[in-house]
């Protein structure tokens, strides 16, 4: 039996989940998180996870992306 956690309760999201959560495309999220100083990306080897709360903070501070 697999327990599915809702996206809004997860602390880290895959690119696909982050795109569904934020309404921003996967390619744009990938481009934003490629920066060295990106505060909302977590790298696990080559796997990229998006820190949901940090992404929310980043988006609330931006005028346009």
Protein backbone atom coordinates (compact mmCIF):
# COMPACT_ATOMS: atom_id res chain seq x y z
CA UNK A 1 0.00 0.00 0.00
CA UNK A 2 1.53 3.28 -1.18
CA UNK A 3 0.84 6.44 0.81
CA UNK A 4 0.63 9.50 -1.44
CA UNK A 5 1.56 12.83 0.16
CA UNK A 6 -0.16 15.94 -1.27
CA UNK A 7 2.17 18.36 -3.10
CA UNK A 8 1.43 21.26 -0.73
CA UNK A 9 2.67 19.14 2.23
CA UNK A 10 5.95 18.03 0.62
CA UNK A 11 9.11 19.95 1.48
CA UNK A 12 10.93 19.05 -1.76
CA UNK A 13 9.38 18.67 -5.20
CA UNK A 14 10.52 17.18 -8.47
CA UNK A 15 10.52 19.51 -11.48
CA UNK A 16 7.22 18.02 -12.65
CA UNK A 17 5.60 18.52 -9.23
CA UNK A 18 7.01 22.05 -8.93
CA UNK A 19 5.63 22.93 -12.38
CA UNK A 20 2.18 21.64 -11.42
CA UNK A 21 2.35 23.42 -8.05
CA UNK A 22 3.55 26.81 -9.33
CA UNK A 23 2.16 26.98 -12.85
CA UNK A 24 5.65 27.62 -14.21
CA UNK A 25 6.91 25.39 -17.01
CA UNK A 26 9.51 22.68 -16.41
CA UNK A 27 12.01 24.28 -18.79
CA UNK A 28 11.72 27.67 -17.06
CA UNK A 29 12.17 26.06 -13.63
CA UNK A 30 15.20 24.19 -14.94
CA UNK A 31 16.67 27.45 -16.29
CA UNK A 32 16.02 29.31 -13.01
CA UNK A 33 17.53 26.54 -10.90
CA UNK A 34 20.68 26.18 -13.03
CA UNK A 35 22.23 29.26 -11.39
CA UNK A 36 25.02 28.63 -8.87
CA UNK A 37 23.38 30.89 -6.26
CA UNK A 38 19.85 29.48 -6.60
CA UNK A 39 18.43 29.19 -3.09
CA UNK A 40 15.46 26.94 -3.89
CA UNK A 41 17.25 24.00 -5.55
CA UNK A 42 18.57 20.90 -3.79
CA UNK A 43 20.96 18.68 -5.73
CA UNK A 44 21.16 14.99 -4.84
CA UNK A 45 23.88 13.80 -7.19
CA UNK A 46 22.45 14.78 -10.57
CA UNK A 47 18.85 14.77 -9.35
CA UNK A 48 17.34 18.23 -8.92
CA UNK A 49 14.69 18.85 -6.26
CA UNK A 50 12.91 22.14 -5.66
CA UNK A 51 12.51 23.39 -2.08
CA UNK A 52 8.82 24.28 -2.02
CA UNK A 53 8.88 26.96 0.69
CA UNK A 54 11.99 28.64 -0.74
CA UNK A 55 10.36 28.62 -4.19
CA UNK A 56 7.29 30.32 -2.70
CA UNK A 57 9.50 32.97 -1.08
CA UNK A 58 11.42 33.51 -4.32
CA UNK A 59 8.24 33.92 -6.36
CA UNK A 60 6.67 36.32 -3.87
CA UNK A 61 9.69 38.63 -4.23
CA UNK A 62 9.76 38.63 -8.04
CA UNK A 63 8.03 41.05 -10.38
CA UNK A 64 8.58 38.90 -13.46
CA UNK A 65 10.52 35.78 -14.37
